[in-house]
C-alpha atoms as a PDB file:
ATOM      1  CA  MET A   1      29.236  24.332  -5.645  1.00  0.00           C
ATOM      2  CA  SER A   2      28.717  27.463  -3.531  1.00  0.00           C
ATOM      3  CA  ALA A   3      27.459  27.308   0.072  1.00  0.00           C
ATOM      4  CA  GLN A   4      24.196  28.960  -1.030  1.00  0.00           C
ATOM      5  CA  ARG A   5      23.665  26.366  -3.771  1.00  0.00           C
ATOM      6  CA  ARG A   6      24.307  23.549  -1.286  1.00  0.00           C
ATOM      7  CA  ARG A   7      21.767  25.007   1.144  1.00  0.00           C
ATOM      8  CA  GLN A   8      19.193  25.291  -1.642  1.00  0.00           C
ATOM      9  CA  LYS A   9      19.856  21.718  -2.710  1.00  0.00           C
ATOM     10  CA  LYS A  10      19.379  20.416   0.816  1.00  0.00           C
ATOM     11  CA  LYS A  11      16.206  22.403   1.397  1.00  0.00           C
ATOM     12  CA  LYS A  12      13.287  20.095   2.116  1.00  0.00           C
ATOM     13  CA  LEU A  13      10.030  20.833   0.396  1.00  0.00           C
ATOM     14  CA  SER A  14       6.891  21.267   2.463  1.00  0.00           C
ATOM     15  CA  LYS A  15       3.793  19.158   1.913  1.00  0.00           C
ATOM     16  CA  ALA A  16       2.084  22.135   0.257  1.00  0.00           C
ATOM     17  CA  GLU A  17       5.004  22.655  -2.151  1.00  0.00           C
ATOM     18  CA  VAL A  18       5.158  18.970  -3.060  1.00  0.00           C
ATOM     19  CA  TRP A  19       1.401  18.742  -3.607  1.00  0.00           C
ATOM     20  CA  ASP A  20       1.469  21.859  -5.778  1.00  0.00           C
ATOM     21  CA  GLU A  21       4.205  20.287  -7.918  1.00  0.00           C
ATOM     22  CA  VAL A  22       2.313  17.005  -8.285  1.00  0.00           C
ATOM     23  CA  ALA A  23      -1.008  18.722  -9.014  1.00  0.00           C
ATOM     24  CA  THR A  24       0.624  20.890 -11.677  1.00  0.00           C
ATOM     25  CA  ALA A  25       2.413  17.936 -13.290  1.00  0.00           C
ATOM     26  CA  LEU A  26      -0.664  15.698 -13.443  1.00  0.00           C
ATOM     27  CA  GLY A  27      -3.479  18.215 -13.795  1.00  0.00           C
ATOM     28  CA  GLY A  28      -4.898  17.751 -10.316  1.00  0.00           C
ATOM     29  CA  ARG A  29      -7.175  20.054  -8.350  1.00  0.00           C
ATOM     30  CA  ILE A  30      -6.058  20.970  -4.825  1.00  0.00           C
ATOM     31  CA  GLU A  31      -8.828  21.299  -2.248  1.00  0.00           C
ATOM     32  CA  ALA A  32      -8.005  23.339   0.863  1.00  0.00           C
ATOM     33  CA  ASP A  33      -9.488  23.276   4.363  1.00  0.00           C
ATOM     34  CA  ARG A  34     -10.979  26.278   6.165  1.00  0.00           C
ATOM     35  CA  LYS A  35      -7.516  27.476   7.112  1.00  0.00           C
ATOM     36  CA  GLY A  36      -6.337  27.403   3.526  1.00  0.00           C
ATOM     37  CA  LYS A  37      -4.099  24.368   4.003  1.00  0.00           C
ATOM     38  CA  PRO A  38      -4.133  21.725   1.234  1.00  0.00           C
ATOM     39  CA  GLN A  39      -6.466  18.938   2.315  1.00  0.00           C
ATOM     40  CA  ARG A  40      -6.463  16.689  -0.746  1.00  0.00           C
ATOM     41  CA  ILE A  41      -5.865  16.592  -4.494  1.00  0.00           C
ATOM     42  CA  SER A  42      -8.418  15.249  -6.967  1.00  0.00           C
ATOM     43  CA  PHE A  43      -7.367  13.901 -10.364  1.00  0.00           C
ATOM     44  CA  ALA A  44      -9.630  13.021 -13.287  1.00  0.00           C
ATOM     45  CA  ASP A  45      -8.976   9.519 -14.638  1.00  0.00           C
ATOM     46  CA  GLY A  46     -11.397   9.087 -17.482  1.00  0.00           C
ATOM     47  CA  ASP A  47     -14.870   8.944 -15.920  1.00  0.00           C
ATOM     48  CA  ARG A  48     -13.422   8.250 -12.482  1.00  0.00           C
ATOM     49  CA  GLU A  49     -11.748  10.352  -9.803  1.00  0.00           C
ATOM     50  CA  ILE A  50      -8.492   9.558  -7.995  1.00  0.00           C
ATOM     51  CA  VAL A  51      -7.934  11.284  -4.660  1.00  0.00           C
ATOM     52  CA  LEU A  52      -4.640  11.879  -2.834  1.00  0.00           C
ATOM     53  CA  ASP A  53      -4.710  12.887   0.818  1.00  0.00           C
ATOM     54  CA  THR A  54      -3.259  12.252   4.267  1.00  0.00           C
ATOM     55  CA  TYR A  55      -4.958  11.256   7.495  1.00  0.00           C
ATOM     56  CA  THR A  56      -3.941  10.726  11.110  1.00  0.00           C
ATOM     57  CA  VAL A  57      -4.939   7.927  13.462  1.00  0.00           C
ATOM     58  CA  SER A  58      -4.741   8.731  17.160  1.00  0.00           C
ATOM     59  CA  THR A  59      -4.675   6.218  19.993  1.00  0.00           C
ATOM     60  CA  GLY A  60      -4.782   8.852  22.715  1.00  0.00           C
ATOM     61  CA  GLN A  61      -1.141   8.479  23.730  1.00  0.00           C
ATOM     62  CA  SER A  62       0.332   8.517  20.237  1.00  0.00           C
ATOM     63  CA  SER A  63      -0.656   9.127  16.640  1.00  0.00           C
ATOM     64  CA  ALA A  64       0.374   7.978  13.188  1.00  0.00           C
ATOM     65  CA  THR A  65      -0.068   9.783   9.881  1.00  0.00           C
ATOM     66  CA  TYR A  66      -0.506   8.078   6.516  1.00  0.00           C
ATOM     67  CA  THR A  67      -0.513   9.097   2.874  1.00  0.00           C
ATOM     68  CA  ARG A  68      -3.184   7.442   0.759  1.00  0.00           C
ATOM     69  CA  VAL A  69      -4.464   7.331  -2.807  1.00  0.00           C
ATOM     70  CA  ARG A  70      -8.038   6.151  -3.421  1.00  0.00           C
ATOM     71  CA  ALA A  71     -10.566   5.685  -6.190  1.00  0.00           C
ATOM     72  CA  LEU A  72     -14.010   4.145  -6.619  1.00  0.00           C
ATOM     73  CA  LEU A  73     -15.144   1.849  -9.403  1.00  0.00           C
ATOM     74  CA  ASN A  74     -18.174  -0.229 -10.299  1.00  0.00           C
ATOM     75  CA  GLY A  75     -18.041  -3.939  -9.576  1.00  0.00           C
ATOM     76  CA  LEU A  76     -19.600  -6.457 -11.920  1.00  0.00           C
ATOM     77  CA  GLY A  77     -22.660  -7.190  -9.817  1.00  0.00           C
ATOM     78  CA  LYS A  78     -23.289 -10.599 -11.386  1.00  0.00           C
ATOM     79  CA  ALA A  79     -25.862 -12.759  -9.633  1.00  0.00           C
ATOM     80  CA  GLY A  80     -24.302 -15.281  -7.281  1.00  0.00           C
ATOM     81  CA  GLN A  81     -20.788 -13.918  -7.716  1.00  0.00           C
ATOM     82  CA  ASP A  82     -18.822 -12.275  -4.916  1.00  0.00           C
ATOM     83  CA  GLU A  83     -17.250  -8.964  -5.822  1.00  0.00           C
ATOM     84  CA  PHE A  84     -13.481  -9.137  -6.199  1.00  0.00           C
ATOM     85  CA  GLU A  85     -11.430  -8.209  -3.129  1.00  0.00           C
ATOM     86  CA  LEU A  86      -7.664  -8.051  -2.757  1.00  0.00           C
ATOM     87  CA  LYS A  87      -5.158  -7.119  -0.066  1.00  0.00           C
ATOM     88  CA  VAL A  88      -1.414  -6.854  -0.659  1.00  0.00           C
ATOM     89  CA  THR A  89       0.812  -6.025   2.319  1.00  0.00           C
ATOM     90  CA  ARG A  90       4.528  -6.105   2.942  1.00  0.00           C
ATOM     91  CA  ARG A  91       5.486  -9.477   4.415  1.00  0.00           C
ATOM     92  CA  ASN A  92       6.345  -9.592   8.136  1.00  0.00           C
ATOM     93  CA  PRO A  93       7.157 -12.367  10.668  1.00  0.00           C
ATOM     94  CA  PHE A  94       3.522 -12.638  11.806  1.00  0.00           C
ATOM     95  CA  HIS A  95       2.475 -13.856   8.366  1.00  0.00           C
ATOM     96  CA  GLY A  96       4.219 -17.132   9.185  1.00  0.00           C
ATOM     97  CA  LEU A  97       1.388 -17.795  11.641  1.00  0.00           C
ATOM     98  CA  ALA A  98      -1.379 -16.928   9.182  1.00  0.00           C
ATOM     99  CA  ARG A  99      -2.453 -20.523   8.543  1.00  0.00           C
ATOM    100  CA  LEU A 100      -2.892 -21.148  12.254  1.00  0.00           C
ATOM    101  CA  PHE A 101      -5.620 -18.489  12.211  1.00  0.00           C
ATOM    102  CA  GLY A 102      -7.231 -19.769   9.005  1.00  0.00           C
ATOM    103  CA  ILE A 103      -5.799 -16.995   6.847  1.00  0.00           C
ATOM    104  CA  ARG A 104      -4.977 -18.260   3.385  1.00  0.00           C
ATOM    105  CA  GLU A 105      -2.195 -16.732   1.357  1.00  0.00           C
ATOM    106  CA  VAL A 106      -2.386 -16.442  -2.425  1.00  0.00           C
ATOM    107  CA  PRO A 107       1.034 -17.257  -3.944  1.00  0.00           C
ATOM    108  CA  ILE A 108       1.499 -15.238  -7.121  1.00  0.00           C
ATOM    109  CA  GLY A 109       4.185 -17.472  -8.594  1.00  0.00           C
ATOM    110  CA  TYR A 110       6.824 -14.775  -8.957  1.00  0.00           C
ATOM    111  CA  GLY A 111       9.623 -15.404  -6.457  1.00  0.00           C
ATOM    112  CA  ARG A 112      10.682 -11.829  -5.735  1.00  0.00           C
ATOM    113  CA  PHE A 113       7.087 -10.671  -5.365  1.00  0.00           C
ATOM    114  CA  ASP A 114       6.082 -13.588  -3.121  1.00  0.00           C
ATOM    115  CA  HIS A 115       9.155 -12.990  -0.962  1.00  0.00           C
ATOM    116  CA  THR A 116       8.225  -9.319  -0.493  1.00  0.00           C
ATOM    117  CA  PHE A 117       4.427  -9.369  -0.210  1.00  0.00           C
ATOM    118  CA  PHE A 118       1.646 -11.303   1.516  1.00  0.00           C
ATOM    119  CA  VAL A 119      -1.463 -11.525  -0.676  1.00  0.00           C
ATOM    120  CA  ARG A 120      -5.044 -12.309   0.293  1.00  0.00           C
ATOM    121  CA  SER A 121      -7.983 -12.446  -2.117  1.00  0.00           C
ATOM    122  CA  ASN A 122     -11.366 -14.076  -2.638  1.00  0.00           C
ATOM    123  CA  GLY A 123     -10.352 -14.559  -6.278  1.00  0.00           C
ATOM    124  CA  PRO A 124      -6.927 -16.272  -6.312  1.00  0.00           C
ATOM    125  CA  ASP A 125      -6.777 -16.776 -10.091  1.00  0.00           C
ATOM    126  CA  GLN A 126      -7.811 -13.201 -10.766  1.00  0.00           C
ATOM    127  CA  ALA A 127      -5.272 -11.928  -8.223  1.00  0.00           C
ATOM    128  CA  ARG A 128      -2.493 -13.842  -9.976  1.00  0.00           C
ATOM    129  CA  SER A 129      -3.528 -12.448 -13.356  1.00  0.00           C
ATOM    130  CA  LEU A 130      -3.567  -8.944 -11.934  1.00  0.00           C
ATOM    131  CA  LEU A 131      -0.248  -9.077 -10.069  1.00  0.00           C
ATOM    132  CA  ARG A 132       1.839 -11.335 -12.287  1.00  0.00           C
ATOM    133  CA  GLY A 133       0.540 -10.708 -15.781  1.00  0.00           C
ATOM    134  CA  THR A 134       0.483  -6.888 -15.737  1.00  0.00           C
ATOM    135  CA  ASN A 135       2.622  -3.929 -14.712  1.00  0.00           C
ATOM    136  CA  ILE A 136       0.944  -3.773 -11.273  1.00  0.00           C
ATOM    137  CA  GLY A 137       3.353  -6.219  -9.624  1.00  0.00           C
ATOM    138  CA  ARG A 138       6.380  -4.348 -10.945  1.00  0.00           C
ATOM    139  CA  LEU A 139       5.054  -1.010  -9.732  1.00  0.00           C
ATOM    140  CA  LEU A 140       4.481  -2.468  -6.258  1.00  0.00           C
ATOM    141  CA  LEU A 141       8.019  -3.850  -6.151  1.00  0.00           C
ATOM    142  CA  ASP A 142       9.326  -0.383  -7.021  1.00  0.00           C
ATOM    143  CA  ASN A 143       7.614   0.932  -3.885  1.00  0.00           C
ATOM    144  CA  PRO A 144       7.231  -1.996  -1.461  1.00  0.00           C
ATOM    145  CA  SER A 145       6.109   0.231   1.435  1.00  0.00           C
ATOM    146  CA  VAL A 146       2.724   0.723  -0.246  1.00  0.00           C
ATOM    147  CA  ARG A 147      -0.208  -1.393   0.930  1.00  0.00           C
ATOM    148  CA  LEU A 148      -2.807  -2.104  -1.745  1.00  0.00           C
ATOM    149  CA  GLU A 149      -6.437  -3.060  -1.266  1.00  0.00           C
ATOM    150  CA  VAL A 150      -9.493  -3.559  -3.429  1.00  0.00           C
ATOM    151  CA  LYS A 151     -12.345  -3.583  -0.928  1.00  0.00           C
ATOM    152  CA  ARG A 152     -15.857  -2.587   0.028  1.00  0.00           C
ATOM    153  CA  PRO A 153     -16.044   1.121   0.863  1.00  0.00           C
ATOM    154  CA  GLY A 154     -17.884   2.548   3.865  1.00  0.00           C
ATOM    155  CA  ASN A 155     -21.650   2.555   4.381  1.00  0.00           C
ATOM    156  CA  ARG A 156     -22.121   6.124   3.091  1.00  0.00           C
ATOM    157  CA  ILE A 157     -20.658   5.265  -0.297  1.00  0.00           C
ATOM    158  CA  ARG A 158     -22.454   1.925  -0.590  1.00  0.00           C
ATOM    159  CA  LYS A 159     -25.791   3.577   0.203  1.00  0.00           C
ATOM    160  CA  ALA A 160     -25.197   6.084  -2.581  1.00  0.00           C
ATOM    161  CA  ALA A 161     -23.762   3.755  -5.222  1.00  0.00           C
ATOM    162  CA  GLY A 162     -24.869   0.237  -4.314  1.00  0.00           C
ATOM    163  CA  GLU A 163     -23.321  -2.819  -2.737  1.00  0.00           C
ATOM    164  CA  THR A 164     -21.232  -3.737  -5.775  1.00  0.00           C
ATOM    165  CA  ILE A 165     -19.148  -0.558  -5.576  1.00  0.00           C
ATOM    166  CA  ARG A 166     -15.467  -1.134  -4.847  1.00  0.00           C
ATOM    167  CA  GLU A 167     -12.678   1.081  -3.526  1.00  0.00           C
ATOM    168  CA  VAL A 168      -9.064   0.928  -4.647  1.00  0.00           C
ATOM    169  CA  HIS A 169      -6.987   1.970  -1.663  1.00  0.00           C
ATOM    170  CA  LEU A 170      -3.208   2.581  -1.589  1.00  0.00           C
ATOM    171  CA  LEU A 171      -1.598   3.433   1.734  1.00  0.00           C
ATOM    172  CA  THR A 172       1.895   4.210   3.032  1.00  0.00           C
ATOM    173  CA  SER A 173       3.181   5.442   6.382  1.00  0.00           C
ATOM    174  CA  GLY A 174       4.056   9.078   6.982  1.00  0.00           C
ATOM    175  CA  VAL A 175       3.574  12.243   4.951  1.00  0.00           C
ATOM    176  CA  VAL A 176       5.257  11.542   1.621  1.00  0.00           C
ATOM    177  CA  LYS A 177       7.165  14.620   0.462  1.00  0.00           C
ATOM    178  CA  ASP A 178       8.795  13.078  -2.576  1.00  0.00           C
ATOM    179  CA  PRO A 179       6.948  14.145  -5.751  1.00  0.00           C
ATOM    180  CA  ARG A 180       8.147  11.094  -7.647  1.00  0.00           C
ATOM    181  CA  ARG A 181       6.841   8.673  -5.008  1.00  0.00           C
ATOM    182  CA  LEU A 182       3.451  10.365  -5.041  1.00  0.00           C
ATOM    183  CA  GLN A 183       3.289  10.259  -8.825  1.00  0.00           C
ATOM    184  CA  ASP A 184       4.202   6.568  -8.720  1.00  0.00           C
ATOM    185  CA  MET A 185       1.334   5.902  -6.294  1.00  0.00           C
ATOM    186  CA  LEU A 186      -1.081   7.774  -8.527  1.00  0.00           C
ATOM    187  CA  ARG A 187       0.140   5.906 -11.589  1.00  0.00           C
ATOM    188  CA  LEU A 188      -0.272   2.600  -9.749  1.00  0.00           C
ATOM    189  CA  CYS A 189      -3.863   3.481  -8.870  1.00  0.00           C
ATOM    190  CA  SER A 190      -4.681   4.515 -12.435  1.00  0.00           C
ATOM    191  CA  ASP A 191      -3.120   1.375 -13.910  1.00  0.00           C
ATOM    192  CA  LEU A 192      -4.924  -0.781 -11.384  1.00  0.00           C
ATOM    193  CA  LEU A 193      -8.296   0.713 -12.319  1.00  0.00           C
ATOM    194  CA  GLU A 194      -7.579   0.026 -15.982  1.00  0.00           C
ATOM    195  CA  GLU A 195      -6.475  -3.563 -15.375  1.00  0.00           C
ATOM    196  CA  LEU A 196      -9.475  -4.374 -13.180  1.00  0.00           C
ATOM    197  CA  VAL A 197     -11.739  -3.378 -16.052  1.00  0.00           C
ATOM    198  CA  ARG A 198      -9.627  -5.209 -18.633  1.00  0.00           C
ATOM    199  CA  LEU A 199      -9.742  -8.409 -16.587  1.00  0.00           C
ATOM    200  CA  ASP A 200     -13.548  -8.114 -16.237  1.00  0.00           C
ATOM    201  CA  LEU A 201     -13.322  -7.527 -12.495  1.00  0.00           C
ATOM    202  CA  ALA A 202     -15.020  -4.139 -12.796  1.00  0.00           C
ATOM    203  CA  THR A 203     -16.933  -2.097 -15.337  1.00  0.00           C
ATOM    204  CA  GLU A 204     -16.313   1.185 -17.112  1.00  0.00           C
ATOM    205  CA  GLY A 205     -18.299   4.312 -16.341  1.00  0.00           C
ATOM    206  CA  SER A 206     -18.681   6.950 -13.680  1.00  0.00           C
ATOM    207  CA  VAL A 207     -19.517   6.107 -10.085  1.00  0.00           C
ATOM    208  CA  ALA A 208     -22.650   7.406  -8.357  1.00  0.00           C
ATOM    209  CA  ALA A 209     -20.708   8.446  -5.252  1.00  0.00           C
ATOM    210  CA  SER A 210     -17.633  10.421  -4.241  1.00  0.00           C
ATOM    211  CA  LEU A 211     -14.875   9.905  -1.698  1.00  0.00           C
END
């Protein structure tokens, strides 16, 4: 291999180049900010929209940037039934103290998954069906740095679409510049939306709000 070929092989892609590749591969629409820099990518997933973007949290002395994939879907809205919520995070030493603070873990019943992730949910049986009986658990194990949540969105979205609206939220640290990792996150989000509907934890149809 020539020196020029080696330099080309080692060249790192920029965020803009990676996003352009992912948007082209999956039919996404890149939205730019006022300076022309890519701000987010929107993908059509049936009647729903999946959004890929990055955001930075600043504490004044330091900051941290994250890559996230999000989508909205309609909850069931049945009388007297809490809307399904789920949080899956990579296990850390502090989770050993969870019970002392009244935090209940949901064991999934799959050794490798339970060893890697800490799961919380207001629907333990539904969480097990979602993470053990589908491809979702396997996709998470392929990328264990991703944190997954099914949660209530912010006030703006709930005011527009109602209190039963739910947000699927995938998060990982840093600016991901690996097209395959980003495509895996997007696939995970799409599969999760489909499984939530299949398991009767959400309903089909467009959402009366946008991210």
